[in-house]
Amino acid sequence: MYTRIKSKFQIRQVKLGFIVMILLLFLSLPIWNGRQAHAQQDKTIALDGVWRLRGYGKILHIYQGNYTNYDITEISCVQESNGILKDFMQRYGRLAINDSGQLLLSTIGGITRYTYDRLNTLPEYCQNDRTSRSTDPEFNFEVFYHIFEENYPFFK
């Protein structure tokens, strides 16, 4: 009889322990989600800035949860695309800053890793947006020439 009472008591303890664990788990979820949201916000803030893609003549400007992509040459800066950073991150899948302070970007399912170096500011010709709206045929030909000259090694 005594062992039976002991068993019921043990069962109650196990049930009580299980209930306490479940309760603690549900109470900790808002804290966990808050930390994740805060970490995501910190990651976005760390990404803010101007980044130049190595070897491709592109600049990525990340600011306040948005992005703008520019095609650049020595003489021009043309806005290629812009939008919400979240959409950009979903497109590329993996965005990280390495120990050297470089932005590393990989496409979903791809094997190519793009490396961006941080710049202090946008180049002046990207800030004033004069070159992207040019209707001067001679200038536009110069931009076309510079795209090939600066980005295609066998163009001579």
C-alpha atoms as a PDB file:
ATOM      1  CA  MET A   1       0.000   0.000   0.000  1.00  0.00           C
ATOM      2  CA  TYR A   2       2.818   2.362   0.888  1.00  0.00           C
ATOM      3  CA  THR A   3       4.554   1.792  -2.468  1.00  0.00           C
ATOM      4  CA  ARG A   4       1.360   2.616  -4.266  1.00  0.00           C
ATOM      5  CA  ILE A   5       1.036   5.955  -2.489  1.00  0.00           C
ATOM      6  CA  LYS A   6       4.684   6.641  -3.231  1.00  0.00           C
ATOM      7  CA  SER A   7       4.067   5.946  -6.918  1.00  0.00           C
ATOM      8  CA  LYS A   8       1.082   8.317  -7.034  1.00  0.00           C
ATOM      9  CA  PHE A   9       3.173  10.946  -5.312  1.00  0.00           C
ATOM     10  CA  GLN A  10       5.979  10.452  -7.847  1.00  0.00           C
ATOM     11  CA  ILE A  11       3.513  10.692 -10.715  1.00  0.00           C
ATOM     12  CA  ARG A  12       2.183  13.978  -9.314  1.00  0.00           C
ATOM     13  CA  GLN A  13       5.744  15.288  -9.019  1.00  0.00           C
ATOM     14  CA  VAL A  14       6.501  14.355 -12.620  1.00  0.00           C
ATOM     15  CA  LYS A  15       3.260  15.973 -13.813  1.00  0.00           C
ATOM     16  CA  LEU A  16       3.996  19.093 -11.795  1.00  0.00           C
ATOM     17  CA  GLY A  17       7.567  19.226 -13.130  1.00  0.00           C
ATOM     18  CA  PHE A  18       6.305  18.820 -16.693  1.00  0.00           C
ATOM     19  CA  ILE A  19       3.745  21.586 -16.234  1.00  0.00           C
ATOM     20  CA  VAL A  20       6.392  23.896 -14.782  1.00  0.00           C
ATOM     21  CA  MET A  21       8.739  23.208 -17.725  1.00  0.00           C
ATOM     22  CA  ILE A  22       5.988  23.911 -20.275  1.00  0.00           C
ATOM     23  CA  LEU A  23       5.040  27.095 -18.423  1.00  0.00           C
ATOM     24  CA  LEU A  24       8.664  28.281 -18.373  1.00  0.00           C
ATOM     25  CA  LEU A  25       9.010  27.510 -22.066  1.00  0.00           C
ATOM     26  CA  PHE A  26       5.949  29.602 -22.969  1.00  0.00           C
ATOM     27  CA  LEU A  27       7.095  32.423 -20.724  1.00  0.00           C
ATOM     28  CA  SER A  28      10.544  32.484 -22.353  1.00  0.00           C
ATOM     29  CA  LEU A  29       9.253  32.638 -25.963  1.00  0.00           C
ATOM     30  CA  PRO A  30       8.587  36.408 -25.946  1.00  0.00           C
ATOM     31  CA  ILE A  31      12.078  36.989 -24.580  1.00  0.00           C
ATOM     32  CA  TRP A  32      13.608  34.753 -27.275  1.00  0.00           C
ATOM     33  CA  ASN A  33      11.626  36.444 -30.055  1.00  0.00           C
ATOM     34  CA  GLY A  34      12.616  39.856 -28.720  1.00  0.00           C
ATOM     35  CA  ARG A  35      16.274  38.894 -28.774  1.00  0.00           C
ATOM     36  CA  GLN A  36      15.965  37.576 -32.319  1.00  0.00           C
ATOM     37  CA  ALA A  37      14.256  40.765 -33.477  1.00  0.00           C
ATOM     38  CA  HIS A  38      16.923  42.849 -31.749  1.00  0.00           C
ATOM     39  CA  ALA A  39      19.696  40.748 -33.338  1.00  0.00           C
ATOM     40  CA  GLN A  40      18.065  41.170 -36.775  1.00  0.00           C
ATOM     41  CA  GLN A  41      17.869  44.930 -36.231  1.00  0.00           C
ATOM     42  CA  ASP A  42      21.551  45.028 -35.188  1.00  0.00           C
ATOM     43  CA  LYS A  43      22.470  43.030 -38.311  1.00  0.00           C
ATOM     44  CA  THR A  44      20.590  45.494 -40.520  1.00  0.00           C
ATOM     45  CA  ILE A  45      22.304  48.437 -38.835  1.00  0.00           C
ATOM     46  CA  ALA A  46      25.719  46.798 -39.353  1.00  0.00           C
ATOM     47  CA  LEU A  47      24.923  46.401 -43.055  1.00  0.00           C
ATOM     48  CA  ASP A  48      24.034  50.100 -43.452  1.00  0.00           C
ATOM     49  CA  GLY A  49      26.540  51.905 -45.615  1.00  0.00           C
ATOM     50  CA  VAL A  50      28.021  52.060 -49.094  1.00  0.00           C
ATOM     51  CA  TRP A  51      29.622  48.902 -50.497  1.00  0.00           C
ATOM     52  CA  ARG A  52      31.650  48.459 -53.704  1.00  0.00           C
ATOM     53  CA  LEU A  53      31.556  45.057 -55.398  1.00  0.00           C
ATOM     54  CA  ARG A  54      34.996  43.759 -56.298  1.00  0.00           C
ATOM     55  CA  GLY A  55      35.590  43.323 -60.016  1.00  0.00           C
ATOM     56  CA  TYR A  56      32.133  44.166 -61.310  1.00  0.00           C
ATOM     57  CA  GLY A  57      31.704  47.968 -61.335  1.00  0.00           C
ATOM     58  CA  LYS A  58      28.759  47.993 -58.926  1.00  0.00           C
ATOM     59  CA  ILE A  59      27.926  49.830 -55.725  1.00  0.00           C
ATOM     60  CA  LEU A  60      25.347  48.705 -53.178  1.00  0.00           C
ATOM     61  CA  HIS A  61      23.967  51.399 -50.885  1.00  0.00           C
ATOM     62  CA  ILE A  62      22.132  50.027 -47.829  1.00  0.00           C
ATOM     63  CA  TYR A  63      20.250  52.540 -45.681  1.00  0.00           C
ATOM     64  CA  GLN A  64      17.351  52.428 -43.190  1.00  0.00           C
ATOM     65  CA  GLY A  65      16.117  48.996 -44.298  1.00  0.00           C
ATOM     66  CA  ASN A  66      16.340  49.877 -48.012  1.00  0.00           C
ATOM     67  CA  TYR A  67      18.909  49.339 -50.742  1.00  0.00           C
ATOM     68  CA  THR A  68      19.971  50.890 -54.041  1.00  0.00           C
ATOM     69  CA  ASN A  69      22.215  49.183 -56.606  1.00  0.00           C
ATOM     70  CA  TYR A  70      24.333  51.301 -58.968  1.00  0.00           C
ATOM     71  CA  ASP A  71      26.336  50.423 -62.079  1.00  0.00           C
ATOM     72  CA  ILE A  72      29.452  52.567 -62.029  1.00  0.00           C
ATOM     73  CA  THR A  73      32.371  53.403 -64.262  1.00  0.00           C
ATOM     74  CA  GLU A  74      35.143  55.935 -63.939  1.00  0.00           C
ATOM     75  CA  ILE A  75      32.842  58.585 -65.425  1.00  0.00           C
ATOM     76  CA  SER A  76      29.285  57.438 -64.654  1.00  0.00           C
ATOM     77  CA  CYS A  77      26.886  56.112 -62.054  1.00  0.00           C
ATOM     78  CA  VAL A  78      23.535  54.659 -63.119  1.00  0.00           C
ATOM     79  CA  GLN A  79      20.941  53.433 -60.642  1.00  0.00           C
ATOM     80  CA  GLU A  80      20.188  49.826 -61.530  1.00  0.00           C
ATOM     81  CA  SER A  81      17.616  48.846 -58.885  1.00  0.00           C
ATOM     82  CA  ASN A  82      16.298  49.762 -55.466  1.00  0.00           C
ATOM     83  CA  GLY A  83      13.862  48.406 -52.917  1.00  0.00           C
ATOM     84  CA  ILE A  84      13.424  46.977 -49.452  1.00  0.00           C
ATOM     85  CA  LEU A  85      16.475  45.285 -47.943  1.00  0.00           C
ATOM     86  CA  LYS A  86      14.380  42.322 -46.781  1.00  0.00           C
ATOM     87  CA  ASP A  87      13.487  41.520 -50.412  1.00  0.00           C
ATOM     88  CA  PHE A  88      17.134  41.868 -51.433  1.00  0.00           C
ATOM     89  CA  MET A  89      18.207  39.480 -48.656  1.00  0.00           C
ATOM     90  CA  GLN A  90      15.581  36.909 -49.679  1.00  0.00           C
ATOM     91  CA  ARG A  91      16.888  37.046 -53.249  1.00  0.00           C
ATOM     92  CA  TYR A  92      20.468  36.411 -52.220  1.00  0.00           C
ATOM     93  CA  GLY A  93      19.907  34.189 -49.229  1.00  0.00           C
ATOM     94  CA  ARG A  94      23.132  34.805 -47.371  1.00  0.00           C
ATOM     95  CA  LEU A  95      24.467  38.218 -46.411  1.00  0.00           C
ATOM     96  CA  ALA A  96      27.245  38.441 -43.841  1.00  0.00           C
ATOM     97  CA  ILE A  97      30.078  40.687 -42.753  1.00  0.00           C
ATOM     98  CA  ASN A  98      33.363  38.840 -42.251  1.00  0.00           C
ATOM     99  CA  ASP A  99      36.112  39.624 -39.722  1.00  0.00           C
ATOM    100  CA  SER A 100      37.822  41.931 -42.244  1.00  0.00           C
ATOM    101  CA  GLY A 101      34.705  44.096 -42.487  1.00  0.00           C
ATOM    102  CA  GLN A 102      33.796  42.931 -45.990  1.00  0.00           C
ATOM    103  CA  LEU A 103      30.239  42.180 -47.006  1.00  0.00           C
ATOM    104  CA  LEU A 104      29.875  38.659 -48.401  1.00  0.00           C
ATOM    105  CA  LEU A 105      26.862  37.820 -50.502  1.00  0.00           C
ATOM    106  CA  SER A 106      25.836  34.456 -51.959  1.00  0.00           C
ATOM    107  CA  THR A 107      22.904  33.646 -54.211  1.00  0.00           C
ATOM    108  CA  ILE A 108      20.410  30.982 -53.217  1.00  0.00           C
ATOM    109  CA  GLY A 109      21.487  27.702 -54.776  1.00  0.00           C
ATOM    110  CA  GLY A 110      24.519  29.342 -56.360  1.00  0.00           C
ATOM    111  CA  ILE A 111      28.208  28.747 -55.828  1.00  0.00           C
ATOM    112  CA  THR A 112      29.402  32.289 -56.461  1.00  0.00           C
ATOM    113  CA  ARG A 113      30.298  34.475 -53.494  1.00  0.00           C
ATOM    114  CA  TYR A 114      30.419  38.217 -54.071  1.00  0.00           C
ATOM    115  CA  THR A 115      32.729  40.363 -51.945  1.00  0.00           C
ATOM    116  CA  TYR A 116      31.951  44.004 -51.229  1.00  0.00           C
ATOM    117  CA  ASP A 117      34.302  46.531 -49.624  1.00  0.00           C
ATOM    118  CA  ARG A 118      32.884  49.356 -47.518  1.00  0.00           C
ATOM    119  CA  LEU A 119      33.246  52.908 -48.849  1.00  0.00           C
ATOM    120  CA  ASN A 120      32.978  56.055 -46.730  1.00  0.00           C
ATOM    121  CA  THR A 121      30.352  57.670 -48.976  1.00  0.00           C
ATOM    122  CA  LEU A 122      28.722  57.352 -52.358  1.00  0.00           C
ATOM    123  CA  PRO A 123      30.917  58.756 -55.134  1.00  0.00           C
ATOM    124  CA  GLU A 124      29.971  62.345 -55.926  1.00  0.00           C
ATOM    125  CA  TYR A 125      28.679  61.476 -59.384  1.00  0.00           C
ATOM    126  CA  CYS A 126      26.230  58.996 -57.781  1.00  0.00           C
ATOM    127  CA  GLN A 127      24.959  61.597 -55.318  1.00  0.00           C
ATOM    128  CA  ASN A 128      24.056  64.257 -57.880  1.00  0.00           C
ATOM    129  CA  ASP A 129      22.545  61.760 -60.381  1.00  0.00           C
ATOM    130  CA  ARG A 130      23.635  63.785 -63.433  1.00  0.00           C
ATOM    131  CA  THR A 131      25.127  60.901 -65.364  1.00  0.00           C
ATOM    132  CA  SER A 132      22.111  58.572 -65.264  1.00  0.00           C
ATOM    133  CA  ARG A 133      19.885  61.083 -67.060  1.00  0.00           C
ATOM    134  CA  SER A 134      22.236  62.130 -69.804  1.00  0.00           C
ATOM    135  CA  THR A 135      20.858  62.375 -73.320  1.00  0.00           C
ATOM    136  CA  ASP A 136      24.203  63.382 -74.810  1.00  0.00           C
ATOM    137  CA  PRO A 137      25.064  60.646 -77.364  1.00  0.00           C
ATOM    138  CA  GLU A 138      28.809  61.262 -77.110  1.00  0.00           C
ATOM    139  CA  PHE A 139      28.756  60.962 -73.313  1.00  0.00           C
ATOM    140  CA  ASN A 140      26.576  57.837 -73.487  1.00  0.00           C
ATOM    141  CA  PHE A 141      29.047  56.260 -75.905  1.00  0.00           C
ATOM    142  CA  GLU A 142      31.884  57.111 -73.456  1.00  0.00           C
ATOM    143  CA  VAL A 143      29.945  55.363 -70.664  1.00  0.00           C
ATOM    144  CA  PHE A 144      29.404  52.349 -72.917  1.00  0.00           C
ATOM    145  CA  TYR A 145      33.128  52.301 -73.752  1.00  0.00           C
ATOM    146  CA  HIS A 146      34.108  52.549 -70.058  1.00  0.00           C
ATOM    147  CA  ILE A 147      31.816  49.680 -69.112  1.00  0.00           C
ATOM    148  CA  PHE A 148      33.722  47.400 -71.469  1.00  0.00           C
ATOM    149  CA  GLU A 149      37.141  48.907 -70.759  1.00  0.00           C
ATOM    150  CA  GLU A 150      36.805  48.561 -66.975  1.00  0.00           C
ATOM    151  CA  ASN A 151      34.925  45.257 -66.699  1.00  0.00           C
ATOM    152  CA  TYR A 152      35.984  43.053 -69.614  1.00  0.00           C
ATOM    153  CA  PRO A 153      39.677  42.132 -69.528  1.00  0.00           C
ATOM    154  CA  PHE A 154      39.961  41.097 -73.188  1.00  0.00           C
ATOM    155  CA  PHE A 155      38.388  44.243 -74.617  1.00  0.00           C
ATOM    156  CA  LYS A 156      41.268  45.945 -76.461  1.00  0.00           C
END
